[in-house]
Amino acid sequence: MDIKEKISKIVDKVKNDPEIAELFKKDPIKAVEKVIGVDLPDDVIDKVVDGVKAKIGVESAGDALGKLKKLF
């Protein structure tokens, strides 16, 4: 699985689909799993959620970049 590709797909959905955006605000794990259609292990899903948050600016850039570096 290409995590960067999945993160980009999810970010696109969150930005362009109000239903997914609202779900992501309330329950980011369910939103991510809905977009990619896969139930991921907790450690993977947490990293994907962090990556999505970083790309859409939900978290501060410094904190999010530190988390993303752990992915790669």
PDB file of N, CA and C in Angstrom:
ATOM      1  N   MET A   1       0.838  -1.181   0.000  1.00  0.00           N
ATOM      2  CA  MET A   1       0.000   0.000   0.000  1.00  0.00           C
ATOM      3  C   MET A   1       0.882   1.243   0.000  1.00  0.00           C
ATOM      4  N   ASP A   2       0.610   2.155  -0.917  1.00  0.00           N
ATOM      5  CA  ASP A   2       1.338   3.414  -0.977  1.00  0.00           C
ATOM      6  C   ASP A   2       0.612   4.424  -0.088  1.00  0.00           C
ATOM      7  N   ILE A   3       1.176   4.666   1.080  1.00  0.00           N
ATOM      8  CA  ILE A   3       0.514   5.534   2.056  1.00  0.00           C
ATOM      9  C   ILE A   3       0.383   6.959   1.539  1.00  0.00           C
ATOM     10  N   LYS A   4       1.410   7.463   0.864  1.00  0.00           N
ATOM     11  CA  LYS A   4       1.328   8.826   0.323  1.00  0.00           C
ATOM     12  C   LYS A   4       0.153   8.955  -0.647  1.00  0.00           C
ATOM     13  N   GLU A   5      -0.025   7.950  -1.481  1.00  0.00           N
ATOM     14  CA  GLU A   5      -1.118   7.959  -2.449  1.00  0.00           C
ATOM     15  C   GLU A   5      -2.467   7.934  -1.736  1.00  0.00           C
ATOM     16  N   LYS A   6      -2.587   7.110  -0.709  1.00  0.00           N
ATOM     17  CA  LYS A   6      -3.837   7.024   0.061  1.00  0.00           C
ATOM     18  C   LYS A   6      -4.138   8.348   0.752  1.00  0.00           C
ATOM     19  N   ILE A   7      -3.112   8.970   1.325  1.00  0.00           N
ATOM     20  CA  ILE A   7      -3.299  10.255   1.999  1.00  0.00           C
ATOM     21  C   ILE A   7      -3.795  11.295   1.006  1.00  0.00           C
ATOM     22  N   SER A   8      -3.199  11.340  -0.180  1.00  0.00           N
ATOM     23  CA  SER A   8      -3.630  12.305  -1.204  1.00  0.00           C
ATOM     24  C   SER A   8      -5.079  12.077  -1.608  1.00  0.00           C
ATOM     25  N   LYS A   9      -5.470  10.826  -1.759  1.00  0.00           N
ATOM     26  CA  LYS A   9      -6.851  10.492  -2.121  1.00  0.00           C
ATOM     27  C   LYS A   9      -7.816  10.954  -1.032  1.00  0.00           C
ATOM     28  N   ILE A  10      -7.451  10.718   0.208  1.00  0.00           N
ATOM     29  CA  ILE A  10      -8.318  11.088   1.330  1.00  0.00           C
ATOM     30  C   ILE A  10      -8.425  12.601   1.444  1.00  0.00           C
ATOM     31  N   VAL A  11      -7.299  13.293   1.301  1.00  0.00           N
ATOM     32  CA  VAL A  11      -7.305  14.763   1.368  1.00  0.00           C
ATOM     33  C   VAL A  11      -8.229  15.322   0.298  1.00  0.00           C
ATOM     34  N   ASP A  12      -8.136  14.787  -0.903  1.00  0.00           N
ATOM     35  CA  ASP A  12      -8.989  15.241  -1.994  1.00  0.00           C
ATOM     36  C   ASP A  12     -10.464  15.059  -1.642  1.00  0.00           C
ATOM     37  N   LYS A  13     -10.805  13.914  -1.085  1.00  0.00           N
ATOM     38  CA  LYS A  13     -12.190  13.634  -0.698  1.00  0.00           C
ATOM     39  C   LYS A  13     -12.656  14.577   0.406  1.00  0.00           C
ATOM     40  N   VAL A  14     -11.801  14.788   1.408  1.00  0.00           N
ATOM     41  CA  VAL A  14     -12.166  15.663   2.528  1.00  0.00           C
ATOM     42  C   VAL A  14     -12.401  17.091   2.036  1.00  0.00           C
ATOM     43  N   LYS A  15     -11.573  17.542   1.113  1.00  0.00           N
ATOM     44  CA  LYS A  15     -11.705  18.906   0.606  1.00  0.00           C
ATOM     45  C   LYS A  15     -12.908  19.082  -0.322  1.00  0.00           C
ATOM     46  N   ASN A  16     -13.307  18.030  -1.018  1.00  0.00           N
ATOM     47  CA  ASN A  16     -14.331  18.162  -2.051  1.00  0.00           C
ATOM     48  C   ASN A  16     -15.671  17.512  -1.726  1.00  0.00           C
ATOM     49  N   ASP A  17     -15.760  16.785  -0.643  1.00  0.00           N
ATOM     50  CA  ASP A  17     -17.010  16.101  -0.288  1.00  0.00           C
ATOM     51  C   ASP A  17     -17.416  16.537   1.118  1.00  0.00           C
ATOM     52  N   PRO A  18     -18.427  17.398   1.221  1.00  0.00           N
ATOM     53  CA  PRO A  18     -18.831  17.914   2.544  1.00  0.00           C
ATOM     54  C   PRO A  18     -19.198  16.812   3.538  1.00  0.00           C
ATOM     55  N   GLU A  19     -19.783  15.725   3.057  1.00  0.00           N
ATOM     56  CA  GLU A  19     -20.156  14.623   3.945  1.00  0.00           C
ATOM     57  C   GLU A  19     -18.912  13.980   4.551  1.00  0.00           C
ATOM     58  N   ILE A  20     -17.903  13.735   3.731  1.00  0.00           N
ATOM     59  CA  ILE A  20     -16.659  13.149   4.222  1.00  0.00           C
ATOM     60  C   ILE A  20     -15.933  14.139   5.126  1.00  0.00           C
ATOM     61  N   ALA A  21     -15.970  15.420   4.774  1.00  0.00           N
ATOM     62  CA  ALA A  21     -15.320  16.446   5.601  1.00  0.00           C
ATOM     63  C   ALA A  21     -15.928  16.476   7.002  1.00  0.00           C
ATOM     64  N   GLU A  22     -17.245  16.416   7.081  1.00  0.00           N
ATOM     65  CA  GLU A  22     -17.921  16.429   8.377  1.00  0.00           C
ATOM     66  C   GLU A  22     -17.595  15.165   9.169  1.00  0.00           C
ATOM     67  N   LEU A  23     -17.609  14.024   8.487  1.00  0.00           N
ATOM     68  CA  LEU A  23     -17.272  12.768   9.146  1.00  0.00           C
ATOM     69  C   LEU A  23     -15.828  12.795   9.649  1.00  0.00           C
ATOM     70  N   PHE A  24     -14.924  13.372   8.848  1.00  0.00           N
ATOM     71  CA  PHE A  24     -13.521  13.449   9.253  1.00  0.00           C
ATOM     72  C   PHE A  24     -13.357  14.298  10.511  1.00  0.00           C
ATOM     73  N   LYS A  25     -14.131  15.360  10.620  1.00  0.00           N
ATOM     74  CA  LYS A  25     -14.069  16.202  11.823  1.00  0.00           C
ATOM     75  C   LYS A  25     -14.547  15.441  13.057  1.00  0.00           C
ATOM     76  N   LYS A  26     -15.613  14.645  12.877  1.00  0.00           N
ATOM     77  CA  LYS A  26     -16.201  13.916  14.000  1.00  0.00           C
ATOM     78  C   LYS A  26     -15.451  12.631  14.328  1.00  0.00           C
ATOM     79  N   ASP A  27     -15.100  11.889  13.304  1.00  0.00           N
ATOM     80  CA  ASP A  27     -14.459  10.586  13.495  1.00  0.00           C
ATOM     81  C   ASP A  27     -13.499  10.313  12.333  1.00  0.00           C
ATOM     82  N   PRO A  28     -12.275  10.830  12.427  1.00  0.00           N
ATOM     83  CA  PRO A  28     -11.338  10.709  11.301  1.00  0.00           C
ATOM     84  C   PRO A  28     -11.038   9.266  10.896  1.00  0.00           C
ATOM     85  N   ILE A  29     -11.033   8.361  11.834  1.00  0.00           N
ATOM     86  CA  ILE A  29     -10.733   6.964  11.506  1.00  0.00           C
ATOM     87  C   ILE A  29     -11.835   6.380  10.611  1.00  0.00           C
ATOM     88  N   LYS A  30     -13.086   6.605  10.963  1.00  0.00           N
ATOM     89  CA  LYS A  30     -14.182   6.104  10.135  1.00  0.00           C
ATOM     90  C   LYS A  30     -14.172   6.755   8.759  1.00  0.00           C
ATOM     91  N   ALA A  31     -13.854   8.046   8.707  1.00  0.00           N
ATOM     92  CA  ALA A  31     -13.811   8.740   7.421  1.00  0.00           C
ATOM     93  C   ALA A  31     -12.734   8.147   6.518  1.00  0.00           C
ATOM     94  N   VAL A  32     -11.561   7.908   7.067  1.00  0.00           N
ATOM     95  CA  VAL A  32     -10.460   7.338   6.287  1.00  0.00           C
ATOM     96  C   VAL A  32     -10.844   5.949   5.795  1.00  0.00           C
ATOM     97  N   GLU A  33     -11.377   5.131   6.658  1.00  0.00           N
ATOM     98  CA  GLU A  33     -11.756   3.776   6.265  1.00  0.00           C
ATOM     99  C   GLU A  33     -12.874   3.794   5.220  1.00  0.00           C
ATOM    100  N   LYS A  34     -13.779   4.759   5.301  1.00  0.00           N
ATOM    101  CA  LYS A  34     -14.854   4.864   4.315  1.00  0.00           C
ATOM    102  C   LYS A  34     -14.289   5.231   2.945  1.00  0.00           C
ATOM    103  N   VAL A  35     -13.351   6.160   2.910  1.00  0.00           N
ATOM    104  CA  VAL A  35     -12.785   6.604   1.636  1.00  0.00           C
ATOM    105  C   VAL A  35     -11.973   5.501   0.972  1.00  0.00           C
ATOM    106  N   ILE A  36     -11.135   4.816   1.746  1.00  0.00           N
ATOM    107  CA  ILE A  36     -10.278   3.800   1.123  1.00  0.00           C
ATOM    108  C   ILE A  36     -10.927   2.434   1.068  1.00  0.00           C
ATOM    109  N   GLY A  37     -12.019   2.260   1.789  1.00  0.00           N
ATOM    110  CA  GLY A  37     -12.759   1.015   1.737  1.00  0.00           C
ATOM    111  C   GLY A  37     -12.073  -0.174   2.384  1.00  0.00           C
ATOM    112  N   VAL A  38     -11.175   0.110   3.323  1.00  0.00           N
ATOM    113  CA  VAL A  38     -10.422  -0.954   3.975  1.00  0.00           C
ATOM    114  C   VAL A  38     -10.360  -0.674   5.471  1.00  0.00           C
ATOM    115  N   ASP A  39     -10.501  -1.711   6.273  1.00  0.00           N
ATOM    116  CA  ASP A  39     -10.332  -1.598   7.720  1.00  0.00           C
ATOM    117  C   ASP A  39      -8.861  -1.845   8.016  1.00  0.00           C
ATOM    118  N   LEU A  40      -8.136  -0.784   8.342  1.00  0.00           N
ATOM    119  CA  LEU A  40      -6.695  -0.880   8.563  1.00  0.00           C
ATOM    120  C   LEU A  40      -6.375  -1.114  10.032  1.00  0.00           C
ATOM    121  N   PRO A  41      -5.194  -1.700  10.309  1.00  0.00           N
ATOM    122  CA  PRO A  41      -4.750  -1.834  11.704  1.00  0.00           C
ATOM    123  C   PRO A  41      -4.595  -0.451  12.340  1.00  0.00           C
ATOM    124  N   ASP A  42      -4.785  -0.386  13.645  1.00  0.00           N
ATOM    125  CA  ASP A  42      -4.746   0.898  14.358  1.00  0.00           C
ATOM    126  C   ASP A  42      -3.469   1.683  14.113  1.00  0.00           C
ATOM    127  N   ASP A  43      -2.319   1.030  14.131  1.00  0.00           N
ATOM    128  CA  ASP A  43      -1.061   1.766  13.966  1.00  0.00           C
ATOM    129  C   ASP A  43      -0.955   2.393  12.579  1.00  0.00           C
ATOM    130  N   VAL A  44      -1.496   1.745  11.574  1.00  0.00           N
ATOM    131  CA  VAL A  44      -1.463   2.284  10.210  1.00  0.00           C
ATOM    132  C   VAL A  44      -2.486   3.397  10.063  1.00  0.00           C
ATOM    133  N   ILE A  45      -3.681   3.172  10.543  1.00  0.00           N
ATOM    134  CA  ILE A  45      -4.739   4.165  10.398  1.00  0.00           C
ATOM    135  C   ILE A  45      -4.384   5.456  11.122  1.00  0.00           C
ATOM    136  N   ASP A  46      -3.745   5.359  12.279  1.00  0.00           N
ATOM    137  CA  ASP A  46      -3.331   6.563  13.007  1.00  0.00           C
ATOM    138  C   ASP A  46      -2.346   7.386  12.193  1.00  0.00           C
ATOM    139  N   LYS A  47      -1.423   6.731  11.532  1.00  0.00           N
ATOM    140  CA  LYS A  47      -0.437   7.442  10.704  1.00  0.00           C
ATOM    141  C   LYS A  47      -1.101   8.087   9.494  1.00  0.00           C
ATOM    142  N   VAL A  48      -2.051   7.397   8.902  1.00  0.00           N
ATOM    143  CA  VAL A  48      -2.773   7.952   7.755  1.00  0.00           C
ATOM    144  C   VAL A  48      -3.583   9.168   8.194  1.00  0.00           C
ATOM    145  N   VAL A  49      -4.288   9.062   9.307  1.00  0.00           N
ATOM    146  CA  VAL A  49      -5.070  10.189   9.819  1.00  0.00           C
ATOM    147  C   VAL A  49      -4.156  11.381  10.097  1.00  0.00           C
ATOM    148  N   ASP A  50      -3.019  11.140  10.718  1.00  0.00           N
ATOM    149  CA  ASP A  50      -2.066  12.223  10.985  1.00  0.00           C
ATOM    150  C   ASP A  50      -1.588  12.872   9.688  1.00  0.00           C
ATOM    151  N   GLY A  51      -1.332  12.051   8.693  1.00  0.00           N
ATOM    152  CA  GLY A  51      -0.888  12.576   7.399  1.00  0.00           C
ATOM    153  C   GLY A  51      -1.957  13.427   6.735  1.00  0.00           C
ATOM    154  N   VAL A  52      -3.194  12.982   6.805  1.00  0.00           N
ATOM    155  CA  VAL A  52      -4.305  13.749   6.227  1.00  0.00           C
ATOM    156  C   VAL A  52      -4.459  15.070   6.971  1.00  0.00           C
ATOM    157  N   LYS A  53      -4.427  15.014   8.277  1.00  0.00           N
ATOM    158  CA  LYS A  53      -4.554  16.243   9.070  1.00  0.00           C
ATOM    159  C   LYS A  53      -3.445  17.231   8.710  1.00  0.00           C
ATOM    160  N   ALA A  54      -2.257  16.735   8.528  1.00  0.00           N
ATOM    161  CA  ALA A  54      -1.131  17.603   8.180  1.00  0.00           C
ATOM    162  C   ALA A  54      -1.367  18.272   6.834  1.00  0.00           C
ATOM    163  N   LYS A  55      -1.850  17.503   5.882  1.00  0.00           N
ATOM    164  CA  LYS A  55      -2.059  18.052   4.539  1.00  0.00           C
ATOM    165  C   LYS A  55      -3.202  19.053   4.492  1.00  0.00           C
ATOM    166  N   ILE A  56      -4.198  18.907   5.332  1.00  0.00           N
ATOM    167  CA  ILE A  56      -5.311  19.855   5.291  1.00  0.00           C
ATOM    168  C   ILE A  56      -5.170  20.943   6.352  1.00  0.00           C
ATOM    169  N   GLY A  57      -4.081  20.939   7.068  1.00  0.00           N
ATOM    170  CA  GLY A  57      -3.793  22.021   7.996  1.00  0.00           C
ATOM    171  C   GLY A  57      -4.532  21.967   9.300  1.00  0.00           C
ATOM    172  N   VAL A  58      -4.982  20.791   9.736  1.00  0.00           N
ATOM    173  CA  VAL A  58      -5.698  20.684  11.001  1.00  0.00           C
ATOM    174  C   VAL A  58      -4.738  20.799  12.177  1.00  0.00           C
ATOM    175  N   GLU A  59      -3.546  20.266  12.003  1.00  0.00           N
ATOM    176  CA  GLU A  59      -2.539  20.320  13.057  1.00  0.00           C
ATOM    177  C   GLU A  59      -1.482  21.353  12.698  1.00  0.00           C
ATOM    178  N   SER A  60      -0.697  21.743  13.645  1.00  0.00           N
ATOM    179  CA  SER A  60       0.387  22.664  13.348  1.00  0.00           C
ATOM    180  C   SER A  60       1.405  21.971  12.457  1.00  0.00           C
ATOM    181  N   ALA A  61       2.006  22.699  11.578  1.00  0.00           N
ATOM    182  CA  ALA A  61       2.911  22.122  10.591  1.00  0.00           C
ATOM    183  C   ALA A  61       4.081  21.388  11.237  1.00  0.00           C
ATOM    184  N   GLY A  62       4.658  21.939  12.240  1.00  0.00           N
ATOM    185  CA  GLY A  62       5.815  21.306  12.868  1.00  0.00           C
ATOM    186  C   GLY A  62       5.498  19.954  13.482  1.00  0.00           C
ATOM    187  N   ASP A  63       4.425  19.863  14.208  1.00  0.00           N
ATOM    188  CA  ASP A  63       4.033  18.610  14.839  1.00  0.00           C
ATOM    189  C   ASP A  63       3.677  17.556  13.805  1.00  0.00           C
ATOM    190  N   ALA A  64       2.937  17.953  12.790  1.00  0.00           N
ATOM    191  CA  ALA A  64       2.504  17.008  11.764  1.00  0.00           C
ATOM    192  C   ALA A  64       3.676  16.499  10.944  1.00  0.00           C
ATOM    193  N   LEU A  65       4.609  17.379  10.610  1.00  0.00           N
ATOM    194  CA  LEU A  65       5.758  16.934   9.832  1.00  0.00           C
ATOM    195  C   LEU A  65       6.583  15.923  10.607  1.00  0.00           C
ATOM    196  N   GLY A  66       6.685  16.111  11.884  1.00  0.00           N
ATOM    197  CA  GLY A  66       7.411  15.143  12.696  1.00  0.00           C
ATOM    198  C   GLY A  66       6.758  13.769  12.641  1.00  0.00           C
ATOM    199  N   LYS A  67       5.450  13.736  12.649  1.00  0.00           N
ATOM    200  CA  LYS A  67       4.724  12.466  12.566  1.00  0.00           C
ATOM    201  C   LYS A  67       4.872  11.839  11.186  1.00  0.00           C
ATOM    202  N   LEU A  68       4.833  12.679  10.150  1.00  0.00           N
ATOM    203  CA  LEU A  68       4.962  12.151   8.789  1.00  0.00           C
ATOM    204  C   LEU A  68       6.338  11.549   8.541  1.00  0.00           C
ATOM    205  N   LYS A  69       7.361  12.132   9.131  1.00  0.00           N
ATOM    206  CA  LYS A  69       8.715  11.614   8.930  1.00  0.00           C
ATOM    207  C   LYS A  69       8.817  10.166   9.411  1.00  0.00           C
ATOM    208  N   LYS A  70       8.040   9.822  10.410  1.00  0.00           N
ATOM    209  CA  LYS A  70       8.053   8.458  10.940  1.00  0.00           C
ATOM    210  C   LYS A  70       7.495   7.461   9.924  1.00  0.00           C
ATOM    211  N   LEU A  71       6.658   7.944   9.000  1.00  0.00           N
ATOM    212  CA  LEU A  71       6.077   7.060   7.992  1.00  0.00           C
ATOM    213  C   LEU A  71       7.119   6.608   6.970  1.00  0.00           C
ATOM    214  N   PHE A  72       8.067   7.459   6.684  1.00  0.00           N
ATOM    215  CA  PHE A  72       8.986   7.199   5.588  1.00  0.00           C
ATOM    216  C   PHE A  72      10.365   7.119   6.158  1.00  0.00           C
TER     217      PHE A  72
END
